[in-house]
Amino acid sequence: MSRVARKTAVSLSEAIQEYLKVAKLSAGLNTQRIFAAWDAASGAGRYTVRRFFRDGRLYITVDSSVVRSQLSFQRDVLIEKINALLAQDELFTRDDARVGIVKELILK
């Protein structure tokens, strides 16, 4: 029987992050974390019909023109709030090339 080489001790959060990268789950998890941050930052989760994230752009479709109008005035503040929530989230991988921070918010 061969012995497995021992490595230095790592924290559980580092081990989870490494597993997510190896299993290629970080992009999907990051996307879900971004959507959860949208719901928390905007408060418009129940009006949100569709969500889509690609290349730093968060596309949001809401079913109320009044809500969309109010959110469009707060676009820059919402981006800052979303990114602040993501920075506090331990499961969010900031350096993921495919799914990173929100750079632009597009409301439909």
PDB file of N, CA and C in Angstrom:
ATOM      1  N   MET A   1       0.835  -1.179   0.000  1.00  0.00           N
ATOM      2  CA  MET A   1       0.000   0.000   0.000  1.00  0.00           C
ATOM      3  C   MET A   1       0.878   1.239   0.000  1.00  0.00           C
ATOM      4  N   SER A   2       0.511   2.179  -0.793  1.00  0.00           N
ATOM      5  CA  SER A   2       1.262   3.434  -0.799  1.00  0.00           C
ATOM      6  C   SER A   2       0.595   4.418   0.144  1.00  0.00           C
ATOM      7  N   ARG A   3       1.392   5.242   0.719  1.00  0.00           N
ATOM      8  CA  ARG A   3       0.875   6.244   1.656  1.00  0.00           C
ATOM      9  C   ARG A   3       0.611   7.541   0.913  1.00  0.00           C
ATOM     10  N   VAL A   4      -0.395   8.215   1.319  1.00  0.00           N
ATOM     11  CA  VAL A   4      -0.730   9.509   0.748  1.00  0.00           C
ATOM     12  C   VAL A   4       0.178  10.547   1.387  1.00  0.00           C
ATOM     13  N   ALA A   5       0.763  11.381   0.559  1.00  0.00           N
ATOM     14  CA  ALA A   5       1.656  12.416   1.080  1.00  0.00           C
ATOM     15  C   ALA A   5       0.855  13.417   1.896  1.00  0.00           C
ATOM     16  N   ARG A   6       1.387  13.772   3.044  1.00  0.00           N
ATOM     17  CA  ARG A   6       0.703  14.738   3.904  1.00  0.00           C
ATOM     18  C   ARG A   6       1.017  16.148   3.448  1.00  0.00           C
ATOM     19  N   LYS A   7       0.029  16.961   3.538  1.00  0.00           N
ATOM     20  CA  LYS A   7       0.195  18.371   3.200  1.00  0.00           C
ATOM     21  C   LYS A   7       0.060  19.181   4.469  1.00  0.00           C
ATOM     22  N   THR A   8       0.359  20.431   4.354  1.00  0.00           N
ATOM     23  CA  THR A   8       0.168  21.301   5.506  1.00  0.00           C
ATOM     24  C   THR A   8      -1.321  21.455   5.775  1.00  0.00           C
ATOM     25  N   ALA A   9      -1.638  21.765   6.990  1.00  0.00           N
ATOM     26  CA  ALA A   9      -3.037  21.912   7.377  1.00  0.00           C
ATOM     27  C   ALA A   9      -3.647  23.131   6.696  1.00  0.00           C
ATOM     28  N   VAL A  10      -4.860  22.966   6.222  1.00  0.00           N
ATOM     29  CA  VAL A  10      -5.590  24.076   5.608  1.00  0.00           C
ATOM     30  C   VAL A  10      -6.925  24.216   6.324  1.00  0.00           C
ATOM     31  N   SER A  11      -7.455  25.405   6.286  1.00  0.00           N
ATOM     32  CA  SER A  11      -8.748  25.632   6.930  1.00  0.00           C
ATOM     33  C   SER A  11      -9.854  24.987   6.100  1.00  0.00           C
ATOM     34  N   LEU A  12     -10.981  24.790   6.733  1.00  0.00           N
ATOM     35  CA  LEU A  12     -12.110  24.167   6.048  1.00  0.00           C
ATOM     36  C   LEU A  12     -12.605  25.039   4.897  1.00  0.00           C
ATOM     37  N   SER A  13     -12.617  26.359   5.082  1.00  0.00           N
ATOM     38  CA  SER A  13     -13.077  27.242   4.002  1.00  0.00           C
ATOM     39  C   SER A  13     -12.143  27.167   2.796  1.00  0.00           C
ATOM     40  N   GLU A  14     -10.830  27.056   3.038  1.00  0.00           N
ATOM     41  CA  GLU A  14      -9.889  26.909   1.921  1.00  0.00           C
ATOM     42  C   GLU A  14     -10.090  25.574   1.216  1.00  0.00           C
ATOM     43  N   ALA A  15     -10.354  24.519   1.986  1.00  0.00           N
ATOM     44  CA  ALA A  15     -10.584  23.205   1.390  1.00  0.00           C
ATOM     45  C   ALA A  15     -11.853  23.209   0.542  1.00  0.00           C
ATOM     46  N   ILE A  16     -12.885  23.875   1.018  1.00  0.00           N
ATOM     47  CA  ILE A  16     -14.135  23.956   0.255  1.00  0.00           C
ATOM     48  C   ILE A  16     -13.922  24.748  -1.028  1.00  0.00           C
ATOM     49  N   GLN A  17     -13.214  25.878  -0.935  1.00  0.00           N
ATOM     50  CA  GLN A  17     -12.928  26.683  -2.127  1.00  0.00           C
ATOM     51  C   GLN A  17     -12.146  25.865  -3.157  1.00  0.00           C
ATOM     52  N   GLU A  18     -11.157  25.112  -2.705  1.00  0.00           N
ATOM     53  CA  GLU A  18     -10.353  24.296  -3.611  1.00  0.00           C
ATOM     54  C   GLU A  18     -11.208  23.210  -4.263  1.00  0.00           C
ATOM     55  N   TYR A  19     -12.089  22.593  -3.484  1.00  0.00           N
ATOM     56  CA  TYR A  19     -12.974  21.570  -4.033  1.00  0.00           C
ATOM     57  C   TYR A  19     -13.896  22.158  -5.104  1.00  0.00           C
ATOM     58  N   LEU A  20     -14.441  23.340  -4.839  1.00  0.00           N
ATOM     59  CA  LEU A  20     -15.335  23.973  -5.808  1.00  0.00           C
ATOM     60  C   LEU A  20     -14.611  24.271  -7.113  1.00  0.00           C
ATOM     61  N   LYS A  21     -13.343  24.670  -7.018  1.00  0.00           N
ATOM     62  CA  LYS A  21     -12.569  24.938  -8.232  1.00  0.00           C
ATOM     63  C   LYS A  21     -12.284  23.650  -8.994  1.00  0.00           C
ATOM     64  N   VAL A  22     -11.865  22.613  -8.269  1.00  0.00           N
ATOM     65  CA  VAL A  22     -11.523  21.348  -8.917  1.00  0.00           C
ATOM     66  C   VAL A  22     -12.759  20.715  -9.554  1.00  0.00           C
ATOM     67  N   ALA A  23     -13.883  20.770  -8.867  1.00  0.00           N
ATOM     68  CA  ALA A  23     -15.118  20.180  -9.385  1.00  0.00           C
ATOM     69  C   ALA A  23     -15.821  21.086 -10.399  1.00  0.00           C
ATOM     70  N   LYS A  24     -15.261  22.257 -10.639  1.00  0.00           N
ATOM     71  CA  LYS A  24     -15.803  23.231 -11.589  1.00  0.00           C
ATOM     72  C   LYS A  24     -17.235  23.632 -11.241  1.00  0.00           C
ATOM     73  N   LEU A  25     -17.468  23.820  -9.950  1.00  0.00           N
ATOM     74  CA  LEU A  25     -18.776  24.244  -9.467  1.00  0.00           C
ATOM     75  C   LEU A  25     -18.802  25.715  -9.096  1.00  0.00           C
ATOM     76  N   SER A  26     -17.647  26.358  -9.098  1.00  0.00           N
ATOM     77  CA  SER A  26     -17.580  27.732  -8.594  1.00  0.00           C
ATOM     78  C   SER A  26     -18.365  28.713  -9.460  1.00  0.00           C
ATOM     79  N   ALA A  27     -18.390  28.520 -10.776  1.00  0.00           N
ATOM     80  CA  ALA A  27     -19.120  29.457 -11.640  1.00  0.00           C
ATOM     81  C   ALA A  27     -20.620  29.409 -11.357  1.00  0.00           C
ATOM     82  N   GLY A  28     -21.170  28.223 -11.243  1.00  0.00           N
ATOM     83  CA  GLY A  28     -22.597  28.092 -10.948  1.00  0.00           C
ATOM     84  C   GLY A  28     -22.951  28.607  -9.568  1.00  0.00           C
ATOM     85  N   LEU A  29     -22.087  28.322  -8.597  1.00  0.00           N
ATOM     86  CA  LEU A  29     -22.328  28.805  -7.242  1.00  0.00           C
ATOM     87  C   LEU A  29     -22.215  30.323  -7.187  1.00  0.00           C
ATOM     88  N   ASN A  30     -21.222  30.877  -7.881  1.00  0.00           N
ATOM     89  CA  ASN A  30     -21.079  32.334  -7.922  1.00  0.00           C
ATOM     90  C   ASN A  30     -22.318  32.995  -8.518  1.00  0.00           C
ATOM     91  N   THR A  31     -22.845  32.419  -9.574  1.00  0.00           N
ATOM     92  CA  THR A  31     -24.042  32.978 -10.200  1.00  0.00           C
ATOM     93  C   THR A  31     -25.212  32.980  -9.219  1.00  0.00           C
ATOM     94  N   GLN A  32     -25.390  31.889  -8.505  1.00  0.00           N
ATOM     95  CA  GLN A  32     -26.479  31.820  -7.526  1.00  0.00           C
ATOM     96  C   GLN A  32     -26.261  32.805  -6.380  1.00  0.00           C
ATOM     97  N   ARG A  33     -25.019  33.011  -5.968  1.00  0.00           N
ATOM     98  CA  ARG A  33     -24.707  33.973  -4.911  1.00  0.00           C
ATOM     99  C   ARG A  33     -24.995  35.399  -5.392  1.00  0.00           C
ATOM    100  N   ILE A  34     -24.731  35.678  -6.665  1.00  0.00           N
ATOM    101  CA  ILE A  34     -25.028  36.998  -7.234  1.00  0.00           C
ATOM    102  C   ILE A  34     -26.538  37.234  -7.236  1.00  0.00           C
ATOM    103  N   PHE A  35     -27.309  36.230  -7.627  1.00  0.00           N
ATOM    104  CA  PHE A  35     -28.765  36.370  -7.637  1.00  0.00           C
ATOM    105  C   PHE A  35     -29.309  36.581  -6.226  1.00  0.00           C
ATOM    106  N   ALA A  36     -28.749  35.877  -5.247  1.00  0.00           N
ATOM    107  CA  ALA A  36     -29.178  36.061  -3.853  1.00  0.00           C
ATOM    108  C   ALA A  36     -28.814  37.459  -3.366  1.00  0.00           C
ATOM    109  N   ALA A  37     -27.641  37.957  -3.783  1.00  0.00           N
ATOM    110  CA  ALA A  37     -27.231  39.314  -3.403  1.00  0.00           C
ATOM    111  C   ALA A  37     -28.152  40.344  -4.050  1.00  0.00           C
ATOM    112  N   TRP A  38     -28.613  40.086  -5.274  1.00  0.00           N
ATOM    113  CA  TRP A  38     -29.568  40.984  -5.930  1.00  0.00           C
ATOM    114  C   TRP A  38     -30.851  41.082  -5.116  1.00  0.00           C
ATOM    115  N   ASP A  39     -31.374  39.933  -4.703  1.00  0.00           N
ATOM    116  CA  ASP A  39     -32.609  39.923  -3.915  1.00  0.00           C
ATOM    117  C   ASP A  39     -32.438  40.695  -2.613  1.00  0.00           C
ATOM    118  N   ALA A  40     -31.292  40.511  -1.953  1.00  0.00           N
ATOM    119  CA  ALA A  40     -31.051  41.180  -0.673  1.00  0.00           C
ATOM    120  C   ALA A  40     -30.820  42.679  -0.848  1.00  0.00           C
ATOM    121  N   ALA A  41     -30.071  43.059  -1.868  1.00  0.00           N
ATOM    122  CA  ALA A  41     -29.717  44.471  -2.054  1.00  0.00           C
ATOM    123  C   ALA A  41     -30.881  45.292  -2.594  1.00  0.00           C
ATOM    124  N   SER A  42     -31.656  44.713  -3.488  1.00  0.00           N
ATOM    125  CA  SER A  42     -32.711  45.489  -4.144  1.00  0.00           C
ATOM    126  C   SER A  42     -34.040  45.435  -3.402  1.00  0.00           C
ATOM    127  N   GLY A  43     -34.328  44.322  -2.782  1.00  0.00           N
ATOM    128  CA  GLY A  43     -35.636  44.150  -2.167  1.00  0.00           C
ATOM    129  C   GLY A  43     -36.725  43.879  -3.188  1.00  0.00           C
ATOM    130  N   ALA A  44     -36.341  43.683  -4.426  1.00  0.00           N
ATOM    131  CA  ALA A  44     -37.309  43.480  -5.508  1.00  0.00           C
ATOM    132  C   ALA A  44     -37.333  42.031  -5.974  1.00  0.00           C
ATOM    133  N   GLY A  45     -36.995  41.118  -5.096  1.00  0.00           N
ATOM    134  CA  GLY A  45     -36.954  39.706  -5.464  1.00  0.00           C
ATOM    135  C   GLY A  45     -38.286  39.168  -5.934  1.00  0.00           C
ATOM    136  N   ARG A  46     -39.367  39.627  -5.322  1.00  0.00           N
ATOM    137  CA  ARG A  46     -40.674  39.091  -5.719  1.00  0.00           C
ATOM    138  C   ARG A  46     -41.165  39.673  -7.038  1.00  0.00           C
ATOM    139  N   TYR A  47     -40.597  40.779  -7.483  1.00  0.00           N
ATOM    140  CA  TYR A  47     -40.955  41.362  -8.777  1.00  0.00           C
ATOM    141  C   TYR A  47     -40.036  40.878  -9.897  1.00  0.00           C
ATOM    142  N   THR A  48     -38.976  40.188  -9.531  1.00  0.00           N
ATOM    143  CA  THR A  48     -37.995  39.739 -10.512  1.00  0.00           C
ATOM    144  C   THR A  48     -38.511  38.498 -11.225  1.00  0.00           C
ATOM    145  N   VAL A  49     -38.562  38.582 -12.550  1.00  0.00           N
ATOM    146  CA  VAL A  49     -39.064  37.479 -13.359  1.00  0.00           C
ATOM    147  C   VAL A  49     -37.909  36.631 -13.878  1.00  0.00           C
ATOM    148  N   ARG A  50     -36.873  37.289 -14.412  1.00  0.00           N
ATOM    149  CA  ARG A  50     -35.716  36.578 -14.967  1.00  0.00           C
ATOM    150  C   ARG A  50     -34.441  37.222 -14.485  1.00  0.00           C
ATOM    151  N   ARG A  51     -33.417  36.381 -14.330  1.00  0.00           N
ATOM    152  CA  ARG A  51     -32.083  36.843 -13.955  1.00  0.00           C
ATOM    153  C   ARG A  51     -31.089  36.159 -14.879  1.00  0.00           C
ATOM    154  N   PHE A  52     -30.077  36.918 -15.291  1.00  0.00           N
ATOM    155  CA  PHE A  52     -29.046  36.352 -16.152  1.00  0.00           C
ATOM    156  C   PHE A  52     -27.761  37.111 -15.888  1.00  0.00           C
ATOM    157  N   PHE A  53     -26.641  36.403 -15.809  1.00  0.00           N
ATOM    158  CA  PHE A  53     -25.354  37.046 -15.561  1.00  0.00           C
ATOM    159  C   PHE A  53     -24.340  36.554 -16.577  1.00  0.00           C
ATOM    160  N   ARG A  54     -23.660  37.519 -17.231  1.00  0.00           N
ATOM    161  CA  ARG A  54     -22.598  37.170 -18.174  1.00  0.00           C
ATOM    162  C   ARG A  54     -21.640  38.350 -18.312  1.00  0.00           C
ATOM    163  N   ASP A  55     -20.352  38.058 -18.276  1.00  0.00           N
ATOM    164  CA  ASP A  55     -19.284  39.036 -18.512  1.00  0.00           C
ATOM    165  C   ASP A  55     -19.406  40.281 -17.642  1.00  0.00           C
ATOM    166  N   GLY A  56     -19.742  40.099 -16.387  1.00  0.00           N
ATOM    167  CA  GLY A  56     -19.832  41.230 -15.471  1.00  0.00           C
ATOM    168  C   GLY A  56     -21.127  42.009 -15.556  1.00  0.00           C
ATOM    169  N   ARG A  57     -22.039  41.578 -16.414  1.00  0.00           N
ATOM    170  CA  ARG A  57     -23.326  42.260 -16.567  1.00  0.00           C
ATOM    171  C   ARG A  57     -24.431  41.415 -15.946  1.00  0.00           C
ATOM    172  N   LEU A  58     -25.207  42.042 -15.087  1.00  0.00           N
ATOM    173  CA  LEU A  58     -26.349  41.382 -14.462  1.00  0.00           C
ATOM    174  C   LEU A  58     -27.609  41.889 -15.146  1.00  0.00           C
ATOM    175  N   TYR A  59     -28.288  40.994 -15.863  1.00  0.00           N
ATOM    176  CA  TYR A  59     -29.521  41.327 -16.570  1.00  0.00           C
ATOM    177  C   TYR A  59     -30.694  40.929 -15.680  1.00  0.00           C
ATOM    178  N   ILE A  60     -31.567  41.882 -15.395  1.00  0.00           N
ATOM    179  CA  ILE A  60     -32.709  41.652 -14.524  1.00  0.00           C
ATOM    180  C   ILE A  60     -33.979  42.061 -15.260  1.00  0.00           C
ATOM    181  N   THR A  61     -34.967  41.181 -15.271  1.00  0.00           N
ATOM    182  CA  THR A  61     -36.274  41.495 -15.830  1.00  0.00           C
ATOM    183  C   THR A  61     -37.271  41.535 -14.682  1.00  0.00           C
ATOM    184  N   VAL A  62     -37.945  42.674 -14.544  1.00  0.00           N
ATOM    185  CA  VAL A  62     -38.965  42.811 -13.502  1.00  0.00           C
ATOM    186  C   VAL A  62     -40.329  42.965 -14.169  1.00  0.00           C
ATOM    187  N   ASP A  63     -41.376  42.561 -13.441  1.00  0.00           N
ATOM    188  CA  ASP A  63     -42.713  42.576 -14.027  1.00  0.00           C
ATOM    189  C   ASP A  63     -43.490  43.852 -13.730  1.00  0.00           C
ATOM    190  N   SER A  64     -42.847  44.836 -13.127  1.00  0.00           N
ATOM    191  CA  SER A  64     -43.523  46.089 -12.803  1.00  0.00           C
ATOM    192  C   SER A  64     -42.708  47.259 -13.349  1.00  0.00           C
ATOM    193  N   SER A  65     -43.337  48.081 -14.160  1.00  0.00           N
ATOM    194  CA  SER A  65     -42.636  49.240 -14.720  1.00  0.00           C
ATOM    195  C   SER A  65     -42.301  50.256 -13.634  1.00  0.00           C
ATOM    196  N   VAL A  66     -43.123  50.339 -12.607  1.00  0.00           N
ATOM    197  CA  VAL A  66     -42.866  51.272 -11.507  1.00  0.00           C
ATOM    198  C   VAL A  66     -41.620  50.842 -10.742  1.00  0.00           C
ATOM    199  N   VAL A  67     -41.512  49.554 -10.449  1.00  0.00           N
ATOM    200  CA  VAL A  67     -40.342  49.033  -9.737  1.00  0.00           C
ATOM    201  C   VAL A  67     -39.095  49.204 -10.592  1.00  0.00           C
ATOM    202  N   ARG A  68     -39.202  48.915 -11.887  1.00  0.00           N
ATOM    203  CA  ARG A  68     -38.061  49.072 -12.786  1.00  0.00           C
ATOM    204  C   ARG A  68     -37.591  50.521 -12.819  1.00  0.00           C
ATOM    205  N   SER A  69     -38.517  51.456 -12.840  1.00  0.00           N
ATOM    206  CA  SER A  69     -38.170  52.874 -12.846  1.00  0.00           C
ATOM    207  C   SER A  69     -37.447  53.265 -11.559  1.00  0.00           C
ATOM    208  N   GLN A  70     -37.954  52.814 -10.423  1.00  0.00           N
ATOM    209  CA  GLN A  70     -37.317  53.125  -9.140  1.00  0.00           C
ATOM    210  C   GLN A  70     -35.920  52.508  -9.051  1.00  0.00           C
ATOM    211  N   LEU A  71     -35.781  51.280  -9.526  1.00  0.00           N
ATOM    212  CA  LEU A  71     -34.482  50.607  -9.475  1.00  0.00           C
ATOM    213  C   LEU A  71     -33.475  51.253 -10.418  1.00  0.00           C
ATOM    214  N   SER A  72     -33.948  51.786 -11.540  1.00  0.00           N
ATOM    215  CA  SER A  72     -33.021  52.401 -12.491  1.00  0.00           C
ATOM    216  C   SER A  72     -32.368  53.651 -11.914  1.00  0.00           C
ATOM    217  N   PHE A  73     -33.074  54.348 -11.019  1.00  0.00           N
ATOM    218  CA  PHE A  73     -32.482  55.515 -10.365  1.00  0.00           C
ATOM    219  C   PHE A  73     -31.398  55.108  -9.366  1.00  0.00           C
ATOM    220  N   GLN A  74     -31.494  53.894  -8.853  1.00  0.00           N
ATOM    221  CA  GLN A  74     -30.560  53.417  -7.832  1.00  0.00           C
ATOM    222  C   GLN A  74     -29.518  52.459  -8.393  1.00  0.00           C
ATOM    223  N   ARG A  75     -29.331  52.438  -9.677  1.00  0.00           N
ATOM    224  CA  ARG A  75     -28.479  51.447 -10.336  1.00  0.00           C
ATOM    225  C   ARG A  75     -27.063  51.395  -9.761  1.00  0.00           C
ATOM    226  N   ASP A  76     -26.393  52.534  -9.623  1.00  0.00           N
ATOM    227  CA  ASP A  76     -25.016  52.544  -9.122  1.00  0.00           C
ATOM    228  C   ASP A  76     -24.937  52.092  -7.667  1.00  0.00           C
ATOM    229  N   VAL A  77     -25.899  52.519  -6.873  1.00  0.00           N
ATOM    230  CA  VAL A  77     -25.930  52.124  -5.459  1.00  0.00           C
ATOM    231  C   VAL A  77     -26.175  50.623  -5.340  1.00  0.00           C
ATOM    232  N   LEU A  78     -27.044  50.090  -6.181  1.00  0.00           N
ATOM    233  CA  LEU A  78     -27.330  48.657  -6.156  1.00  0.00           C
ATOM    234  C   LEU A  78     -26.099  47.837  -6.519  1.00  0.00           C
ATOM    235  N   ILE A  79     -25.338  48.282  -7.504  1.00  0.00           N
ATOM    236  CA  ILE A  79     -24.116  47.570  -7.884  1.00  0.00           C
ATOM    237  C   ILE A  79     -23.143  47.551  -6.713  1.00  0.00           C
ATOM    238  N   GLU A  80     -22.992  48.683  -6.031  1.00  0.00           N
ATOM    239  CA  GLU A  80     -22.101  48.740  -4.869  1.00  0.00           C
ATOM    240  C   GLU A  80     -22.586  47.817  -3.754  1.00  0.00           C
ATOM    241  N   LYS A  81     -23.893  47.805  -3.494  1.00  0.00           N
ATOM    242  CA  LYS A  81     -24.447  46.942  -2.444  1.00  0.00           C
ATOM    243  C   LYS A  81     -24.256  45.465  -2.781  1.00  0.00           C
ATOM    244  N   ILE A  82     -24.514  45.108  -4.028  1.00  0.00           N
ATOM    245  CA  ILE A  82     -24.358  43.712  -4.446  1.00  0.00           C
ATOM    246  C   ILE A  82     -22.912  43.277  -4.276  1.00  0.00           C
ATOM    247  N   ASN A  83     -21.973  44.089  -4.748  1.00  0.00           N
ATOM    248  CA  ASN A  83     -20.564  43.729  -4.636  1.00  0.00           C
ATOM    249  C   ASN A  83     -20.099  43.700  -3.185  1.00  0.00           C
ATOM    250  N   ALA A  84     -20.656  44.565  -2.337  1.00  0.00           N
ATOM    251  CA  ALA A  84     -20.312  44.535  -0.910  1.00  0.00           C
ATOM    252  C   ALA A  84     -20.817  43.244  -0.267  1.00  0.00           C
ATOM    253  N   LEU A  85     -22.022  42.830  -0.621  1.00  0.00           N
ATOM    254  CA  LEU A  85     -22.550  41.567  -0.095  1.00  0.00           C
ATOM    255  C   LEU A  85     -21.727  40.378  -0.578  1.00  0.00           C
ATOM    256  N   LEU A  86     -21.293  40.427  -1.828  1.00  0.00           N
ATOM    257  CA  LEU A  86     -20.479  39.338  -2.362  1.00  0.00           C
ATOM    258  C   LEU A  86     -19.101  39.299  -1.708  1.00  0.00           C
ATOM    259  N   ALA A  87     -18.557  40.465  -1.368  1.00  0.00           N
ATOM    260  CA  ALA A  87     -17.249  40.514  -0.709  1.00  0.00           C
ATOM    261  C   ALA A  87     -17.306  39.882   0.677  1.00  0.00           C
ATOM    262  N   GLN A  88     -18.458  39.956   1.329  1.00  0.00           N
ATOM    263  CA  GLN A  88     -18.616  39.368   2.659  1.00  0.00           C
ATOM    264  C   GLN A  88     -18.934  37.874   2.602  1.00  0.00           C
ATOM    265  N   ASP A  89     -19.331  37.389   1.450  1.00  0.00           N
ATOM    266  CA  ASP A  89     -19.736  35.994   1.298  1.00  0.00           C
ATOM    267  C   ASP A  89     -18.501  35.105   1.148  1.00  0.00           C
ATOM    268  N   GLU A  90     -18.337  34.151   2.052  1.00  0.00           N
ATOM    269  CA  GLU A  90     -17.167  33.277   2.014  1.00  0.00           C
ATOM    270  C   GLU A  90     -17.221  32.268   0.870  1.00  0.00           C
ATOM    271  N   LEU A  91     -18.400  31.943   0.381  1.00  0.00           N
ATOM    272  CA  LEU A  91     -18.522  30.977  -0.705  1.00  0.00           C
ATOM    273  C   LEU A  91     -18.321  31.602  -2.081  1.00  0.00           C
ATOM    274  N   PHE A  92     -18.306  32.919  -2.156  1.00  0.00           N
ATOM    275  CA  PHE A  92     -18.128  33.597  -3.440  1.00  0.00           C
ATOM    276  C   PHE A  92     -16.647  33.644  -3.791  1.00  0.00           C
ATOM    277  N   THR A  93     -16.305  33.199  -4.994  1.00  0.00           N
ATOM    278  CA  THR A  93     -14.922  33.195  -5.468  1.00  0.00           C
ATOM    279  C   THR A  93     -14.709  34.421  -6.346  1.00  0.00           C
ATOM    280  N   ARG A  94     -14.011  35.423  -5.823  1.00  0.00           N
ATOM    281  CA  ARG A  94     -13.824  36.682  -6.551  1.00  0.00           C
ATOM    282  C   ARG A  94     -12.943  36.541  -7.778  1.00  0.00           C
ATOM    283  N   ASP A  95     -11.973  35.652  -7.740  1.00  0.00           N
ATOM    284  CA  ASP A  95     -11.008  35.572  -8.839  1.00  0.00           C
ATOM    285  C   ASP A  95     -11.416  34.582  -9.930  1.00  0.00           C
ATOM    286  N   ASP A  96     -12.669  34.186  -9.961  1.00  0.00           N
ATOM    287  CA  ASP A  96     -13.154  33.299 -11.009  1.00  0.00           C
ATOM    288  C   ASP A  96     -13.224  34.082 -12.318  1.00  0.00           C
ATOM    289  N   ALA A  97     -12.581  33.563 -13.355  1.00  0.00           N
ATOM    290  CA  ALA A  97     -12.513  34.276 -14.636  1.00  0.00           C
ATOM    291  C   ALA A  97     -13.873  34.347 -15.327  1.00  0.00           C
ATOM    292  N   ARG A  98     -14.724  33.357 -15.106  1.00  0.00           N
ATOM    293  CA  ARG A  98     -16.011  33.319 -15.806  1.00  0.00           C
ATOM    294  C   ARG A  98     -17.087  34.144 -15.113  1.00  0.00           C
ATOM    295  N   VAL A  99     -17.136  34.060 -13.793  1.00  0.00           N
ATOM    296  CA  VAL A  99     -18.184  34.752 -13.039  1.00  0.00           C
ATOM    297  C   VAL A  99     -17.527  35.495 -11.889  1.00  0.00           C
ATOM    298  N   GLY A 100     -17.410  36.815 -12.037  1.00  0.00           N
ATOM    299  CA  GLY A 100     -16.786  37.632 -11.002  1.00  0.00           C
ATOM    300  C   GLY A 100     -17.765  38.638 -10.437  1.00  0.00           C
ATOM    301  N   ILE A 101     -17.280  39.818 -10.163  1.00  0.00           N
ATOM    302  CA  ILE A 101     -18.121  40.848  -9.564  1.00  0.00           C
ATOM    303  C   ILE A 101     -19.043  41.474 -10.613  1.00  0.00           C
ATOM    304  N   VAL A 102     -20.059  42.155 -10.134  1.00  0.00           N
ATOM    305  CA  VAL A 102     -21.021  42.818 -11.017  1.00  0.00           C
ATOM    306  C   VAL A 102     -20.453  44.175 -11.424  1.00  0.00           C
ATOM    307  N   LYS A 103     -20.326  44.395 -12.724  1.00  0.00           N
ATOM    308  CA  LYS A 103     -19.797  45.660 -13.244  1.00  0.00           C
ATOM    309  C   LYS A 103     -20.903  46.547 -13.808  1.00  0.00           C
ATOM    310  N   GLU A 104     -21.965  45.909 -14.284  1.00  0.00           N
ATOM    311  CA  GLU A 104     -23.047  46.665 -14.917  1.00  0.00           C
ATOM    312  C   GLU A 104     -24.378  45.990 -14.603  1.00  0.00           C
ATOM    313  N   LEU A 105     -25.400  46.795 -14.401  1.00  0.00           N
ATOM    314  CA  LEU A 105     -26.741  46.299 -14.113  1.00  0.00           C
ATOM    315  C   LEU A 105     -27.672  46.754 -15.228  1.00  0.00           C
ATOM    316  N   ILE A 106     -28.321  45.798 -15.878  1.00  0.00           N
ATOM    317  CA  ILE A 106     -29.224  46.099 -16.981  1.00  0.00           C
ATOM    318  C   ILE A 106     -30.622  45.655 -16.575  1.00  0.00           C
ATOM    319  N   LEU A 107     -31.532  46.613 -16.513  1.00  0.00           N
ATOM    320  CA  LEU A 107     -32.915  46.349 -16.108  1.00  0.00           C
ATOM    321  C   LEU A 107     -33.814  46.311 -17.328  1.00  0.00           C
ATOM    322  N   LYS A 108     -34.664  45.313 -17.393  1.00  0.00           N
ATOM    323  CA  LYS A 108     -35.606  45.169 -18.509  1.00  0.00           C
ATOM    324  C   LYS A 108     -37.006  45.097 -17.973  1.00  0.00           C
TER     325      LYS A 108
END
